[in-house]
Amino acid sequence: MGLVIPRHVMKQLSAMPRADATRLLDRLEEIALAPEVQHPNVLPLVGTPGSFRVRQGDWRAVFSIEEGDVVVERVAHRREVYR
């Protein structure tokens, strides 16, 4: 089990304020340690089976769980992430 962050997501994280990016990464690491447990502020995305979102302040990360790994698909501000 682990956290998989593709290169394009790392670029999105680097564009965020550093404190917000650090908190969001910490949340994603917690989820990766126990992906089968219900975590606070994590909800499944409607219309996209197998995808979830985690909320950290005004920022959202959309991820999926594949073979026990948490794969981050995108990170963006709340007004842009679902477009």
N, C-alpha and C. Protein backbone atom coordinates (compact mmCIF):
# COMPACT_ATOMS: atom_id res chain seq x y z
N MET A 1 0.84 -1.19 0.00
CA MET A 1 0.00 0.00 0.00
C MET A 1 0.88 1.24 0.00
N GLY A 2 0.46 2.19 -0.82
CA GLY A 2 1.25 3.41 -0.88
C GLY A 2 0.50 4.54 -1.56
N LEU A 3 1.18 5.64 -1.65
CA LEU A 3 0.63 6.83 -2.26
C LEU A 3 1.34 7.06 -3.59
N VAL A 4 0.57 7.12 -4.68
CA VAL A 4 1.12 7.32 -6.01
C VAL A 4 0.70 8.71 -6.48
N ILE A 5 1.70 9.56 -6.74
CA ILE A 5 1.44 10.92 -7.20
C ILE A 5 2.15 11.11 -8.54
N PRO A 6 1.38 11.13 -9.64
CA PRO A 6 1.99 11.33 -10.97
C PRO A 6 2.62 12.72 -11.09
N ARG A 7 3.45 12.86 -12.10
CA ARG A 7 4.20 14.10 -12.32
C ARG A 7 3.28 15.31 -12.49
N HIS A 8 2.18 15.16 -13.25
CA HIS A 8 1.30 16.30 -13.48
C HIS A 8 0.61 16.76 -12.18
N VAL A 9 0.40 15.82 -11.25
CA VAL A 9 -0.20 16.19 -9.96
C VAL A 9 0.84 16.90 -9.09
N MET A 10 2.09 16.48 -9.17
CA MET A 10 3.14 17.17 -8.42
C MET A 10 3.25 18.63 -8.89
N LYS A 11 3.05 18.85 -10.17
CA LYS A 11 3.08 20.21 -10.70
C LYS A 11 1.92 21.02 -10.13
N GLN A 12 0.74 20.39 -10.03
CA GLN A 12 -0.42 21.06 -9.44
C GLN A 12 -0.16 21.38 -7.97
N LEU A 13 0.46 20.46 -7.25
CA LEU A 13 0.78 20.69 -5.84
C LEU A 13 1.78 21.82 -5.67
N SER A 14 2.75 21.92 -6.57
CA SER A 14 3.76 22.97 -6.44
C SER A 14 3.17 24.36 -6.71
N ALA A 15 2.03 24.42 -7.39
CA ALA A 15 1.38 25.70 -7.65
C ALA A 15 0.54 26.17 -6.46
N MET A 16 0.28 25.29 -5.52
CA MET A 16 -0.51 25.62 -4.34
C MET A 16 0.35 26.35 -3.31
N PRO A 17 -0.29 27.07 -2.38
CA PRO A 17 0.47 27.59 -1.23
C PRO A 17 1.12 26.43 -0.47
N ARG A 18 2.34 26.62 -0.03
CA ARG A 18 3.11 25.53 0.57
C ARG A 18 2.43 24.90 1.78
N ALA A 19 1.84 25.71 2.66
CA ALA A 19 1.20 25.17 3.86
C ALA A 19 0.00 24.29 3.49
N ASP A 20 -0.78 24.74 2.52
CA ASP A 20 -1.94 23.95 2.08
C ASP A 20 -1.50 22.65 1.41
N ALA A 21 -0.47 22.71 0.60
CA ALA A 21 0.03 21.53 -0.07
C ALA A 21 0.55 20.51 0.94
N THR A 22 1.25 20.99 1.97
CA THR A 22 1.77 20.09 3.01
C THR A 22 0.63 19.41 3.76
N ARG A 23 -0.38 20.17 4.13
CA ARG A 23 -1.52 19.58 4.85
C ARG A 23 -2.26 18.57 3.98
N LEU A 24 -2.43 18.88 2.70
CA LEU A 24 -3.13 17.96 1.79
C LEU A 24 -2.32 16.68 1.60
N LEU A 25 -1.02 16.80 1.45
CA LEU A 25 -0.17 15.61 1.33
C LEU A 25 -0.21 14.76 2.59
N ASP A 26 -0.23 15.40 3.75
CA ASP A 26 -0.34 14.66 5.01
C ASP A 26 -1.64 13.87 5.06
N ARG A 27 -2.75 14.50 4.63
CA ARG A 27 -4.05 13.82 4.61
C ARG A 27 -4.02 12.62 3.66
N LEU A 28 -3.42 12.81 2.48
CA LEU A 28 -3.34 11.72 1.50
C LEU A 28 -2.48 10.57 2.02
N GLU A 29 -1.42 10.88 2.75
CA GLU A 29 -0.58 9.83 3.33
C GLU A 29 -1.34 9.05 4.39
N GLU A 30 -2.16 9.74 5.19
CA GLU A 30 -2.99 9.05 6.18
C GLU A 30 -3.96 8.08 5.50
N ILE A 31 -4.55 8.53 4.40
CA ILE A 31 -5.48 7.69 3.66
C ILE A 31 -4.75 6.49 3.07
N ALA A 32 -3.54 6.70 2.56
CA ALA A 32 -2.77 5.62 1.95
C ALA A 32 -2.38 4.56 2.97
N LEU A 33 -2.20 4.95 4.23
CA LEU A 33 -1.85 3.98 5.27
C LEU A 33 -3.00 3.02 5.57
N ALA A 34 -4.24 3.50 5.43
CA ALA A 34 -5.41 2.66 5.71
C ALA A 34 -6.52 3.03 4.73
N PRO A 35 -6.40 2.62 3.45
CA PRO A 35 -7.39 3.03 2.44
C PRO A 35 -8.77 2.42 2.64
N GLU A 36 -8.87 1.34 3.39
CA GLU A 36 -10.16 0.68 3.59
C GLU A 36 -11.00 1.32 4.69
N VAL A 37 -10.41 2.24 5.46
CA VAL A 37 -11.09 2.90 6.57
C VAL A 37 -11.76 4.17 6.08
N GLN A 38 -12.93 4.51 6.64
CA GLN A 38 -13.60 5.76 6.30
C GLN A 38 -12.89 6.91 7.01
N HIS A 39 -12.36 7.83 6.22
CA HIS A 39 -11.64 8.99 6.75
C HIS A 39 -12.54 10.22 6.73
N PRO A 40 -12.32 11.17 7.64
CA PRO A 40 -13.13 12.40 7.61
C PRO A 40 -12.86 13.21 6.35
N ASN A 41 -13.91 13.84 5.84
CA ASN A 41 -13.84 14.69 4.65
C ASN A 41 -13.46 13.95 3.38
N VAL A 42 -13.68 12.63 3.34
CA VAL A 42 -13.46 11.85 2.13
C VAL A 42 -14.82 11.31 1.69
N LEU A 43 -15.19 11.64 0.46
CA LEU A 43 -16.47 11.20 -0.08
C LEU A 43 -16.28 10.64 -1.48
N PRO A 44 -17.10 9.66 -1.87
CA PRO A 44 -17.03 9.17 -3.26
C PRO A 44 -17.59 10.22 -4.21
N LEU A 45 -17.04 10.28 -5.41
CA LEU A 45 -17.54 11.21 -6.41
C LEU A 45 -18.75 10.61 -7.10
N VAL A 46 -19.80 11.39 -7.22
CA VAL A 46 -21.01 10.96 -7.89
C VAL A 46 -20.74 10.95 -9.40
N GLY A 47 -21.10 9.88 -10.07
CA GLY A 47 -20.92 9.79 -11.51
C GLY A 47 -19.57 9.28 -11.94
N THR A 48 -18.67 9.09 -11.01
CA THR A 48 -17.35 8.56 -11.34
C THR A 48 -17.04 7.41 -10.37
N PRO A 49 -17.48 6.19 -10.72
CA PRO A 49 -17.27 5.06 -9.81
C PRO A 49 -15.78 4.83 -9.53
N GLY A 50 -15.48 4.58 -8.27
CA GLY A 50 -14.11 4.29 -7.87
C GLY A 50 -13.27 5.51 -7.57
N SER A 51 -13.82 6.71 -7.74
CA SER A 51 -13.07 7.93 -7.45
C SER A 51 -13.61 8.57 -6.18
N PHE A 52 -12.70 9.17 -5.44
CA PHE A 52 -13.03 9.82 -4.17
C PHE A 52 -12.42 11.21 -4.16
N ARG A 53 -12.90 12.04 -3.24
CA ARG A 53 -12.28 13.34 -3.05
C ARG A 53 -12.02 13.55 -1.57
N VAL A 54 -10.93 14.23 -1.30
CA VAL A 54 -10.60 14.61 0.06
C VAL A 54 -10.54 16.13 0.08
N ARG A 55 -11.09 16.69 1.13
CA ARG A 55 -11.17 18.14 1.27
C ARG A 55 -10.17 18.59 2.31
N GLN A 56 -9.42 19.61 1.97
CA GLN A 56 -8.50 20.24 2.92
C GLN A 56 -8.58 21.73 2.69
N GLY A 57 -9.37 22.41 3.52
CA GLY A 57 -9.58 23.84 3.35
C GLY A 57 -10.30 24.12 2.03
N ASP A 58 -9.74 25.00 1.22
CA ASP A 58 -10.32 25.33 -0.08
C ASP A 58 -9.80 24.43 -1.20
N TRP A 59 -9.00 23.45 -0.87
CA TRP A 59 -8.37 22.59 -1.87
C TRP A 59 -8.98 21.20 -1.84
N ARG A 60 -9.00 20.56 -3.01
CA ARG A 60 -9.53 19.21 -3.14
C ARG A 60 -8.53 18.35 -3.89
N ALA A 61 -8.47 17.09 -3.49
CA ALA A 61 -7.68 16.10 -4.23
C ALA A 61 -8.63 14.99 -4.63
N VAL A 62 -8.60 14.63 -5.88
CA VAL A 62 -9.41 13.53 -6.39
C VAL A 62 -8.47 12.34 -6.56
N PHE A 63 -8.89 11.19 -6.02
CA PHE A 63 -8.02 10.02 -6.06
C PHE A 63 -8.85 8.76 -6.25
N SER A 64 -8.17 7.69 -6.59
CA SER A 64 -8.79 6.37 -6.66
C SER A 64 -7.91 5.40 -5.89
N ILE A 65 -8.48 4.27 -5.55
CA ILE A 65 -7.73 3.23 -4.84
C ILE A 65 -7.61 2.05 -5.78
N GLU A 66 -6.38 1.76 -6.19
CA GLU A 66 -6.10 0.70 -7.15
C GLU A 66 -5.11 -0.28 -6.54
N GLU A 67 -5.58 -1.50 -6.33
CA GLU A 67 -4.74 -2.58 -5.77
C GLU A 67 -4.10 -2.16 -4.46
N GLY A 68 -4.83 -1.43 -3.63
CA GLY A 68 -4.33 -1.02 -2.33
C GLY A 68 -3.53 0.27 -2.34
N ASP A 69 -3.24 0.80 -3.52
CA ASP A 69 -2.51 2.07 -3.62
C ASP A 69 -3.48 3.21 -3.82
N VAL A 70 -3.20 4.35 -3.22
CA VAL A 70 -3.98 5.56 -3.43
C VAL A 70 -3.31 6.32 -4.57
N VAL A 71 -4.03 6.44 -5.69
CA VAL A 71 -3.50 7.11 -6.88
C VAL A 71 -4.20 8.46 -7.02
N VAL A 72 -3.44 9.53 -6.87
CA VAL A 72 -3.99 10.88 -6.94
C VAL A 72 -4.15 11.26 -8.41
N GLU A 73 -5.37 11.66 -8.79
CA GLU A 73 -5.67 11.99 -10.18
C GLU A 73 -5.51 13.48 -10.46
N ARG A 74 -5.94 14.32 -9.52
CA ARG A 74 -5.79 15.76 -9.70
C ARG A 74 -5.95 16.47 -8.36
N VAL A 75 -5.38 17.66 -8.30
CA VAL A 75 -5.46 18.52 -7.13
C VAL A 75 -5.76 19.92 -7.64
N ALA A 76 -6.76 20.57 -7.06
CA ALA A 76 -7.11 21.91 -7.51
C ALA A 76 -7.93 22.62 -6.44
N HIS A 77 -8.14 23.91 -6.66
CA HIS A 77 -9.00 24.70 -5.79
C HIS A 77 -10.43 24.20 -5.94
N ARG A 78 -11.22 24.37 -4.93
CA ARG A 78 -12.57 23.82 -4.91
C ARG A 78 -13.44 24.31 -6.05
N ARG A 79 -13.21 25.50 -6.56
CA ARG A 79 -14.04 26.01 -7.65
C ARG A 79 -13.63 25.44 -9.01
N GLU A 80 -12.48 24.77 -9.09
CA GLU A 80 -11.96 24.29 -10.37
C GLU A 80 -11.85 22.76 -10.47
N VAL A 81 -11.86 22.07 -9.36
CA VAL A 81 -11.48 20.66 -9.37
C VAL A 81 -12.47 19.76 -10.09
N TYR A 82 -13.73 20.08 -10.10
CA TYR A 82 -14.74 19.19 -10.68
C TYR A 82 -15.04 19.50 -12.14
N ARG A 83 -14.37 20.44 -12.74
CA ARG A 83 -14.61 20.80 -14.15
C ARG A 83 -13.93 19.88 -15.10
